[in-house]
Amino acid sequence: MSWSDRRSLLLGLMALAGCGFQPALGPGAPARGLMNAVLVDAPGDKDAYDLVERLEERLGRSQTPAYRLSYRISTGQTGLGITPEGATTRYNLDGSVTYTLEDIASGTQIAAGRVESFTSWSATGSTLSTLGAEQDARRRLMHILADQIVTRLIAGRS
């Protein structure tokens, strides 16, 4: 790293410190209270399992939860690429999650919202590869939605 690069980095860090920048999950930060403190509703299907897995990966799995996160997943798929013979070669998977975070002790709603995104997959290979591509797209979508939920929860607590 050259001298000018180091100087730019140090000046940038000092500017962030001067404007009150504080890591959202750093020691003493308000959002830190979410770590290992959120009980996510148990999953009922594969999509929910992937969503909960990612939420717990990001927020931790609580042994003594202070908050409860409830969610409702909605997905739908649309065929995009269609050959002249009428075969669909590409699909979009749209998804949304409506969520609510509540304080377990008081039952007070802390946060609520809705996140949405999409992924796609190709259906041009064998039946097995197409099924694998769809399952991968579903997992990616649930991870994207979980990351959006965590980002919103952290932003709301900072």
N, C-alpha and C. Protein backbone atom coordinates (compact mmCIF):
# COMPACT_ATOMS: atom_id res chain seq x y z
N MET A 1 0.86 -1.17 0.00
CA MET A 1 0.00 0.00 0.00
C MET A 1 0.90 1.23 0.00
N SER A 2 0.70 2.14 -0.94
CA SER A 2 1.54 3.33 -1.04
C SER A 2 1.21 4.34 0.06
N TRP A 3 2.11 5.29 0.26
CA TRP A 3 1.95 6.30 1.30
C TRP A 3 0.68 7.11 1.09
N SER A 4 0.38 7.48 -0.17
CA SER A 4 -0.82 8.29 -0.43
C SER A 4 -2.09 7.48 -0.17
N ASP A 5 -2.05 6.17 -0.45
CA ASP A 5 -3.20 5.31 -0.18
C ASP A 5 -3.46 5.23 1.32
N ARG A 6 -2.39 5.10 2.10
CA ARG A 6 -2.54 5.02 3.56
C ARG A 6 -3.08 6.33 4.11
N ARG A 7 -2.56 7.43 3.59
CA ARG A 7 -3.02 8.73 4.05
C ARG A 7 -4.51 8.91 3.73
N SER A 8 -4.93 8.51 2.54
CA SER A 8 -6.34 8.61 2.15
C SER A 8 -7.22 7.75 3.06
N LEU A 9 -6.74 6.55 3.37
CA LEU A 9 -7.49 5.67 4.26
C LEU A 9 -7.63 6.28 5.65
N LEU A 10 -6.54 6.79 6.19
CA LEU A 10 -6.59 7.42 7.53
C LEU A 10 -7.48 8.64 7.55
N LEU A 11 -7.40 9.47 6.52
CA LEU A 11 -8.26 10.65 6.45
C LEU A 11 -9.74 10.25 6.36
N GLY A 12 -10.01 9.21 5.58
CA GLY A 12 -11.39 8.71 5.47
C GLY A 12 -11.92 8.20 6.80
N LEU A 13 -11.09 7.45 7.53
CA LEU A 13 -11.50 6.93 8.83
C LEU A 13 -11.73 8.06 9.84
N MET A 14 -10.86 9.07 9.79
CA MET A 14 -11.03 10.21 10.70
C MET A 14 -12.30 10.98 10.36
N ALA A 15 -12.62 11.10 9.09
CA ALA A 15 -13.84 11.79 8.69
C ALA A 15 -15.08 11.04 9.19
N LEU A 16 -15.05 9.71 9.08
CA LEU A 16 -16.17 8.92 9.59
C LEU A 16 -16.31 9.06 11.10
N ALA A 17 -15.20 9.04 11.80
CA ALA A 17 -15.23 9.20 13.25
C ALA A 17 -15.75 10.58 13.63
N GLY A 18 -15.38 11.59 12.86
CA GLY A 18 -15.80 12.95 13.15
C GLY A 18 -17.28 13.19 12.92
N CYS A 19 -17.90 12.41 12.05
CA CYS A 19 -19.32 12.62 11.76
C CYS A 19 -20.21 11.77 12.66
N GLY A 20 -19.64 11.07 13.60
CA GLY A 20 -20.44 10.27 14.53
C GLY A 20 -20.68 8.84 14.06
N PHE A 21 -19.97 8.40 13.04
CA PHE A 21 -20.11 7.03 12.55
C PHE A 21 -19.80 6.04 13.67
N GLN A 22 -20.68 5.06 13.78
CA GLN A 22 -20.48 4.00 14.77
C GLN A 22 -20.98 2.71 14.15
N PRO A 23 -20.21 1.63 14.18
CA PRO A 23 -20.69 0.37 13.61
C PRO A 23 -22.00 -0.05 14.27
N ALA A 24 -22.95 -0.49 13.46
CA ALA A 24 -24.28 -0.84 13.97
C ALA A 24 -24.24 -1.97 14.98
N LEU A 25 -23.31 -2.90 14.80
CA LEU A 25 -23.23 -4.04 15.72
C LEU A 25 -21.96 -4.00 16.57
N GLY A 26 -21.32 -2.84 16.64
CA GLY A 26 -20.12 -2.70 17.45
C GLY A 26 -20.45 -2.71 18.93
N PRO A 27 -19.42 -2.82 19.79
CA PRO A 27 -19.64 -2.80 21.24
C PRO A 27 -20.37 -1.52 21.67
N GLY A 28 -21.41 -1.69 22.44
CA GLY A 28 -22.16 -0.55 22.94
C GLY A 28 -23.20 0.01 21.98
N ALA A 29 -23.26 -0.49 20.75
CA ALA A 29 -24.23 0.01 19.77
C ALA A 29 -25.62 -0.52 20.10
N PRO A 30 -26.67 0.29 19.84
CA PRO A 30 -28.03 -0.15 20.16
C PRO A 30 -28.45 -1.46 19.48
N ALA A 31 -28.03 -1.64 18.23
CA ALA A 31 -28.41 -2.86 17.50
C ALA A 31 -27.73 -4.09 18.07
N ARG A 32 -26.67 -3.92 18.84
CA ARG A 32 -25.96 -5.05 19.45
C ARG A 32 -26.91 -5.87 20.33
N GLY A 33 -27.95 -5.21 20.86
CA GLY A 33 -28.92 -5.90 21.70
C GLY A 33 -29.73 -6.96 20.97
N LEU A 34 -29.68 -6.96 19.64
CA LEU A 34 -30.38 -7.99 18.88
C LEU A 34 -29.58 -9.29 18.78
N MET A 35 -28.26 -9.20 18.94
CA MET A 35 -27.42 -10.37 18.79
C MET A 35 -27.73 -11.41 19.88
N ASN A 36 -28.03 -12.62 19.44
CA ASN A 36 -28.35 -13.74 20.33
C ASN A 36 -29.53 -13.44 21.25
N ALA A 37 -30.44 -12.57 20.80
CA ALA A 37 -31.60 -12.20 21.62
C ALA A 37 -32.92 -12.37 20.88
N VAL A 38 -32.89 -12.89 19.65
CA VAL A 38 -34.11 -12.99 18.83
C VAL A 38 -34.50 -14.46 18.64
N LEU A 39 -35.72 -14.78 19.02
CA LEU A 39 -36.29 -16.11 18.78
C LEU A 39 -37.10 -16.03 17.49
N VAL A 40 -36.66 -16.73 16.46
CA VAL A 40 -37.35 -16.73 15.18
C VAL A 40 -38.35 -17.88 15.19
N ASP A 41 -39.57 -17.61 14.70
CA ASP A 41 -40.58 -18.67 14.63
C ASP A 41 -40.03 -19.89 13.91
N ALA A 42 -40.44 -21.06 14.36
CA ALA A 42 -39.97 -22.31 13.77
C ALA A 42 -40.42 -22.43 12.31
N PRO A 43 -39.56 -22.97 11.46
CA PRO A 43 -39.93 -23.11 10.04
C PRO A 43 -40.93 -24.24 9.83
N GLY A 44 -41.77 -24.04 8.82
CA GLY A 44 -42.76 -25.06 8.49
C GLY A 44 -42.51 -25.74 7.17
N ASP A 45 -41.61 -25.19 6.37
CA ASP A 45 -41.29 -25.79 5.07
C ASP A 45 -39.84 -25.45 4.71
N LYS A 46 -39.39 -25.88 3.54
CA LYS A 46 -38.00 -25.70 3.14
C LYS A 46 -37.65 -24.22 2.97
N ASP A 47 -38.53 -23.43 2.37
CA ASP A 47 -38.26 -22.00 2.23
C ASP A 47 -38.09 -21.35 3.60
N ALA A 48 -38.99 -21.65 4.50
CA ALA A 48 -38.91 -21.09 5.85
C ALA A 48 -37.64 -21.57 6.57
N TYR A 49 -37.28 -22.82 6.36
CA TYR A 49 -36.06 -23.34 6.96
C TYR A 49 -34.84 -22.54 6.49
N ASP A 50 -34.76 -22.28 5.18
CA ASP A 50 -33.64 -21.52 4.63
C ASP A 50 -33.64 -20.08 5.16
N LEU A 51 -34.81 -19.48 5.29
CA LEU A 51 -34.93 -18.13 5.83
C LEU A 51 -34.46 -18.09 7.29
N VAL A 52 -34.97 -19.00 8.10
CA VAL A 52 -34.61 -19.04 9.52
C VAL A 52 -33.12 -19.34 9.70
N GLU A 53 -32.61 -20.26 8.89
CA GLU A 53 -31.18 -20.59 8.96
C GLU A 53 -30.33 -19.33 8.76
N ARG A 54 -30.68 -18.53 7.77
CA ARG A 54 -29.90 -17.32 7.48
C ARG A 54 -30.10 -16.27 8.58
N LEU A 55 -31.33 -16.12 9.08
CA LEU A 55 -31.58 -15.16 10.16
C LEU A 55 -30.75 -15.52 11.39
N GLU A 56 -30.73 -16.80 11.74
CA GLU A 56 -29.96 -17.23 12.91
C GLU A 56 -28.46 -17.12 12.66
N GLU A 57 -28.04 -17.30 11.43
CA GLU A 57 -26.63 -17.13 11.08
C GLU A 57 -26.22 -15.67 11.29
N ARG A 58 -27.10 -14.75 10.95
CA ARG A 58 -26.78 -13.32 11.06
C ARG A 58 -27.00 -12.76 12.47
N LEU A 59 -28.06 -13.23 13.15
CA LEU A 59 -28.41 -12.68 14.47
C LEU A 59 -28.00 -13.58 15.63
N GLY A 60 -27.66 -14.81 15.35
CA GLY A 60 -27.34 -15.76 16.41
C GLY A 60 -28.59 -16.49 16.86
N ARG A 61 -28.40 -17.62 17.48
CA ARG A 61 -29.53 -18.40 18.01
C ARG A 61 -29.59 -18.15 19.51
N SER A 62 -30.73 -17.67 19.97
CA SER A 62 -30.85 -17.25 21.36
C SER A 62 -31.26 -18.40 22.28
N GLN A 63 -30.58 -18.47 23.42
CA GLN A 63 -30.96 -19.41 24.48
C GLN A 63 -31.96 -18.76 25.43
N THR A 64 -31.83 -17.45 25.62
CA THR A 64 -32.75 -16.67 26.47
C THR A 64 -33.21 -15.46 25.67
N PRO A 65 -34.20 -15.65 24.79
CA PRO A 65 -34.59 -14.57 23.88
C PRO A 65 -35.32 -13.42 24.58
N ALA A 66 -35.07 -12.23 24.07
CA ALA A 66 -35.78 -11.04 24.53
C ALA A 66 -36.83 -10.62 23.49
N TYR A 67 -36.64 -11.07 22.24
CA TYR A 67 -37.52 -10.68 21.14
C TYR A 67 -37.99 -11.91 20.38
N ARG A 68 -39.14 -11.77 19.73
CA ARG A 68 -39.69 -12.84 18.89
C ARG A 68 -39.90 -12.28 17.50
N LEU A 69 -39.38 -12.98 16.50
CA LEU A 69 -39.54 -12.57 15.11
C LEU A 69 -40.51 -13.53 14.42
N SER A 70 -41.64 -12.99 14.00
CA SER A 70 -42.63 -13.76 13.25
C SER A 70 -42.54 -13.35 11.78
N TYR A 71 -42.87 -14.24 10.89
CA TYR A 71 -42.75 -13.95 9.46
C TYR A 71 -43.80 -14.72 8.68
N ARG A 72 -44.08 -14.22 7.49
CA ARG A 72 -44.95 -14.91 6.54
C ARG A 72 -44.31 -14.77 5.16
N ILE A 73 -44.03 -15.90 4.52
CA ILE A 73 -43.34 -15.93 3.22
C ILE A 73 -44.36 -16.11 2.11
N SER A 74 -44.14 -15.37 1.02
CA SER A 74 -44.97 -15.52 -0.17
C SER A 74 -44.05 -15.60 -1.37
N THR A 75 -44.24 -16.60 -2.24
CA THR A 75 -43.41 -16.73 -3.44
C THR A 75 -44.30 -17.04 -4.65
N GLY A 76 -43.78 -16.73 -5.80
CA GLY A 76 -44.45 -17.05 -7.06
C GLY A 76 -43.43 -17.10 -8.17
N GLN A 77 -43.66 -17.91 -9.15
CA GLN A 77 -42.72 -18.01 -10.25
C GLN A 77 -43.39 -17.67 -11.56
N THR A 78 -42.56 -17.13 -12.48
CA THR A 78 -43.04 -16.71 -13.79
C THR A 78 -42.08 -17.23 -14.84
N GLY A 79 -42.61 -17.82 -15.89
CA GLY A 79 -41.78 -18.25 -17.01
C GLY A 79 -41.39 -17.05 -17.84
N LEU A 80 -40.10 -16.98 -18.21
CA LEU A 80 -39.61 -15.82 -18.97
C LEU A 80 -39.22 -16.18 -20.39
N GLY A 81 -38.23 -17.02 -20.53
CA GLY A 81 -37.73 -17.38 -21.86
C GLY A 81 -38.55 -18.51 -22.42
N ILE A 82 -39.15 -18.28 -23.58
CA ILE A 82 -39.98 -19.32 -24.20
C ILE A 82 -39.49 -19.54 -25.63
N THR A 83 -39.23 -20.80 -25.97
CA THR A 83 -38.75 -21.14 -27.31
C THR A 83 -39.91 -21.10 -28.30
N PRO A 84 -39.61 -21.11 -29.60
CA PRO A 84 -40.69 -21.15 -30.61
C PRO A 84 -41.58 -22.39 -30.46
N GLU A 85 -41.02 -23.45 -29.84
CA GLU A 85 -41.80 -24.67 -29.64
C GLU A 85 -42.68 -24.58 -28.39
N GLY A 86 -42.55 -23.49 -27.64
CA GLY A 86 -43.38 -23.30 -26.44
C GLY A 86 -42.76 -23.78 -25.15
N ALA A 87 -41.50 -24.19 -25.17
CA ALA A 87 -40.83 -24.64 -23.95
C ALA A 87 -40.27 -23.44 -23.18
N THR A 88 -40.48 -23.42 -21.88
CA THR A 88 -39.95 -22.35 -21.04
C THR A 88 -38.51 -22.68 -20.69
N THR A 89 -37.62 -21.71 -20.90
CA THR A 89 -36.19 -21.94 -20.67
C THR A 89 -35.64 -21.16 -19.49
N ARG A 90 -36.39 -20.23 -18.95
CA ARG A 90 -35.93 -19.42 -17.83
C ARG A 90 -37.12 -19.03 -16.97
N TYR A 91 -36.90 -19.06 -15.66
CA TYR A 91 -37.95 -18.71 -14.70
C TYR A 91 -37.47 -17.63 -13.74
N ASN A 92 -38.37 -16.77 -13.34
CA ASN A 92 -38.14 -15.81 -12.26
C ASN A 92 -38.88 -16.31 -11.04
N LEU A 93 -38.26 -16.20 -9.88
CA LEU A 93 -38.89 -16.54 -8.62
C LEU A 93 -38.98 -15.26 -7.80
N ASP A 94 -40.20 -14.77 -7.63
CA ASP A 94 -40.44 -13.56 -6.84
C ASP A 94 -40.81 -13.99 -5.43
N GLY A 95 -40.35 -13.22 -4.45
CA GLY A 95 -40.68 -13.56 -3.07
C GLY A 95 -40.78 -12.33 -2.20
N SER A 96 -41.56 -12.47 -1.15
CA SER A 96 -41.66 -11.41 -0.15
C SER A 96 -41.84 -12.05 1.22
N VAL A 97 -41.41 -11.32 2.23
CA VAL A 97 -41.59 -11.75 3.61
C VAL A 97 -42.16 -10.57 4.39
N THR A 98 -43.26 -10.81 5.06
CA THR A 98 -43.81 -9.84 5.99
C THR A 98 -43.36 -10.30 7.37
N TYR A 99 -42.79 -9.38 8.15
CA TYR A 99 -42.22 -9.78 9.44
C TYR A 99 -42.66 -8.82 10.55
N THR A 100 -42.61 -9.33 11.77
CA THR A 100 -42.91 -8.54 12.97
C THR A 100 -41.92 -8.94 14.05
N LEU A 101 -41.32 -7.96 14.70
CA LEU A 101 -40.43 -8.19 15.83
C LEU A 101 -41.12 -7.63 17.06
N GLU A 102 -41.29 -8.49 18.08
CA GLU A 102 -41.94 -8.02 19.30
C GLU A 102 -41.11 -8.34 20.53
N ASP A 103 -41.27 -7.51 21.52
CA ASP A 103 -40.63 -7.71 22.82
C ASP A 103 -41.40 -8.82 23.52
N ILE A 104 -40.73 -9.89 23.90
CA ILE A 104 -41.41 -11.04 24.50
C ILE A 104 -42.02 -10.69 25.84
N ALA A 105 -41.31 -9.93 26.66
CA ALA A 105 -41.78 -9.62 28.01
C ALA A 105 -43.06 -8.78 27.99
N SER A 106 -43.11 -7.77 27.14
CA SER A 106 -44.26 -6.86 27.14
C SER A 106 -45.26 -7.14 26.03
N GLY A 107 -44.85 -7.88 25.01
CA GLY A 107 -45.72 -8.12 23.87
C GLY A 107 -45.79 -6.93 22.93
N THR A 108 -44.96 -5.92 23.16
CA THR A 108 -44.95 -4.72 22.35
C THR A 108 -44.26 -4.97 21.02
N GLN A 109 -44.88 -4.49 19.95
CA GLN A 109 -44.27 -4.62 18.63
C GLN A 109 -43.14 -3.60 18.52
N ILE A 110 -41.95 -4.09 18.20
CA ILE A 110 -40.76 -3.24 18.08
C ILE A 110 -40.58 -2.78 16.64
N ALA A 111 -40.78 -3.69 15.71
CA ALA A 111 -40.59 -3.39 14.29
C ALA A 111 -41.49 -4.30 13.46
N ALA A 112 -41.82 -3.82 12.29
CA ALA A 112 -42.61 -4.61 11.35
C ALA A 112 -42.32 -4.10 9.95
N GLY A 113 -42.48 -4.94 8.98
CA GLY A 113 -42.25 -4.50 7.61
C GLY A 113 -42.41 -5.63 6.62
N ARG A 114 -42.05 -5.30 5.39
CA ARG A 114 -42.14 -6.26 4.29
C ARG A 114 -40.92 -6.06 3.41
N VAL A 115 -40.28 -7.15 3.05
CA VAL A 115 -39.14 -7.11 2.13
C VAL A 115 -39.48 -7.97 0.93
N GLU A 116 -38.90 -7.62 -0.21
CA GLU A 116 -39.16 -8.42 -1.41
C GLU A 116 -37.97 -8.39 -2.34
N SER A 117 -37.84 -9.46 -3.12
CA SER A 117 -36.77 -9.56 -4.09
C SER A 117 -37.12 -10.68 -5.08
N PHE A 118 -36.17 -11.01 -5.94
CA PHE A 118 -36.38 -12.10 -6.90
C PHE A 118 -35.04 -12.74 -7.25
N THR A 119 -35.12 -13.94 -7.76
CA THR A 119 -33.98 -14.63 -8.36
C THR A 119 -34.48 -15.32 -9.62
N SER A 120 -33.58 -15.88 -10.36
CA SER A 120 -33.95 -16.57 -11.60
C SER A 120 -33.17 -17.87 -11.72
N TRP A 121 -33.65 -18.73 -12.59
CA TRP A 121 -32.89 -19.94 -12.91
C TRP A 121 -33.20 -20.38 -14.33
N SER A 122 -32.25 -21.12 -14.88
CA SER A 122 -32.36 -21.61 -16.24
C SER A 122 -32.93 -23.02 -16.24
N ALA A 123 -33.78 -23.28 -17.21
CA ALA A 123 -34.40 -24.60 -17.33
C ALA A 123 -33.98 -25.26 -18.63
N THR A 124 -32.75 -25.03 -19.05
CA THR A 124 -32.32 -25.57 -20.34
C THR A 124 -31.60 -26.90 -20.25
N GLY A 125 -31.26 -27.35 -19.04
CA GLY A 125 -30.54 -28.61 -18.89
C GLY A 125 -31.48 -29.78 -18.71
N SER A 126 -30.97 -30.81 -18.09
CA SER A 126 -31.77 -32.00 -17.81
C SER A 126 -32.79 -31.68 -16.72
N THR A 127 -33.72 -32.58 -16.52
CA THR A 127 -34.73 -32.40 -15.47
C THR A 127 -34.08 -32.26 -14.11
N LEU A 128 -33.06 -33.07 -13.85
CA LEU A 128 -32.38 -33.04 -12.57
C LEU A 128 -31.63 -31.72 -12.37
N SER A 129 -30.94 -31.24 -13.41
CA SER A 129 -30.21 -29.98 -13.27
C SER A 129 -31.17 -28.80 -13.13
N THR A 130 -32.30 -28.84 -13.80
CA THR A 130 -33.30 -27.79 -13.67
C THR A 130 -33.88 -27.77 -12.26
N LEU A 131 -34.16 -28.93 -11.71
CA LEU A 131 -34.66 -29.01 -10.33
C LEU A 131 -33.63 -28.48 -9.35
N GLY A 132 -32.37 -28.83 -9.56
CA GLY A 132 -31.30 -28.31 -8.70
C GLY A 132 -31.17 -26.80 -8.81
N ALA A 133 -31.30 -26.27 -10.03
CA ALA A 133 -31.22 -24.82 -10.23
C ALA A 133 -32.38 -24.11 -9.54
N GLU A 134 -33.57 -24.70 -9.59
CA GLU A 134 -34.72 -24.10 -8.91
C GLU A 134 -34.52 -24.11 -7.39
N GLN A 135 -34.05 -25.22 -6.85
CA GLN A 135 -33.81 -25.29 -5.41
C GLN A 135 -32.75 -24.28 -4.97
N ASP A 136 -31.71 -24.11 -5.77
CA ASP A 136 -30.67 -23.13 -5.47
C ASP A 136 -31.25 -21.71 -5.52
N ALA A 137 -32.10 -21.43 -6.50
CA ALA A 137 -32.72 -20.11 -6.61
C ALA A 137 -33.60 -19.83 -5.39
N ARG A 138 -34.33 -20.83 -4.92
CA ARG A 138 -35.17 -20.65 -3.73
C ARG A 138 -34.32 -20.34 -2.50
N ARG A 139 -33.24 -21.07 -2.35
CA ARG A 139 -32.36 -20.84 -1.20
C ARG A 139 -31.73 -19.45 -1.26
N ARG A 140 -31.25 -19.06 -2.44
CA ARG A 140 -30.68 -17.72 -2.61
C ARG A 140 -31.71 -16.64 -2.29
N LEU A 141 -32.94 -16.83 -2.74
CA LEU A 141 -33.99 -15.84 -2.47
C LEU A 141 -34.26 -15.71 -0.97
N MET A 142 -34.33 -16.83 -0.27
CA MET A 142 -34.57 -16.77 1.18
C MET A 142 -33.41 -16.08 1.90
N HIS A 143 -32.19 -16.30 1.44
CA HIS A 143 -31.03 -15.64 2.05
C HIS A 143 -31.07 -14.13 1.78
N ILE A 144 -31.43 -13.75 0.56
CA ILE A 144 -31.55 -12.33 0.23
C ILE A 144 -32.60 -11.67 1.11
N LEU A 145 -33.76 -12.32 1.25
CA LEU A 145 -34.84 -11.75 2.06
C LEU A 145 -34.45 -11.67 3.54
N ALA A 146 -33.78 -12.70 4.04
CA ALA A 146 -33.33 -12.68 5.44
C ALA A 146 -32.32 -11.56 5.66
N ASP A 147 -31.40 -11.37 4.72
CA ASP A 147 -30.43 -10.29 4.84
C ASP A 147 -31.12 -8.93 4.85
N GLN A 148 -32.14 -8.77 4.04
CA GLN A 148 -32.89 -7.50 4.03
C GLN A 148 -33.59 -7.27 5.38
N ILE A 149 -34.16 -8.32 5.95
CA ILE A 149 -34.82 -8.19 7.26
C ILE A 149 -33.80 -7.76 8.31
N VAL A 150 -32.66 -8.43 8.36
CA VAL A 150 -31.63 -8.10 9.35
C VAL A 150 -31.16 -6.65 9.15
N THR A 151 -30.94 -6.23 7.92
CA THR A 151 -30.52 -4.87 7.65
C THR A 151 -31.53 -3.87 8.18
N ARG A 152 -32.81 -4.13 7.95
CA ARG A 152 -33.85 -3.22 8.43
C ARG A 152 -33.95 -3.22 9.95
N LEU A 153 -33.80 -4.39 10.56
CA LEU A 153 -33.85 -4.44 12.02
C LEU A 153 -32.67 -3.68 12.63
N ILE A 154 -31.49 -3.86 12.06
CA ILE A 154 -30.31 -3.16 12.56
C ILE A 154 -30.44 -1.66 12.35
N ALA A 155 -30.91 -1.25 11.18
CA ALA A 155 -31.05 0.18 10.89
C ALA A 155 -32.08 0.82 11.83
N GLY A 156 -33.10 0.07 12.19
CA GLY A 156 -34.13 0.59 13.08
C GLY A 156 -33.67 0.71 14.52
N ARG A 157 -32.62 -0.04 14.89
CA ARG A 157 -32.13 -0.05 16.27
C ARG A 157 -30.93 0.88 16.46
N SER A 158 -30.35 1.35 15.36
CA SER A 158 -29.15 2.17 15.46
C SER A 158 -29.48 3.61 15.79
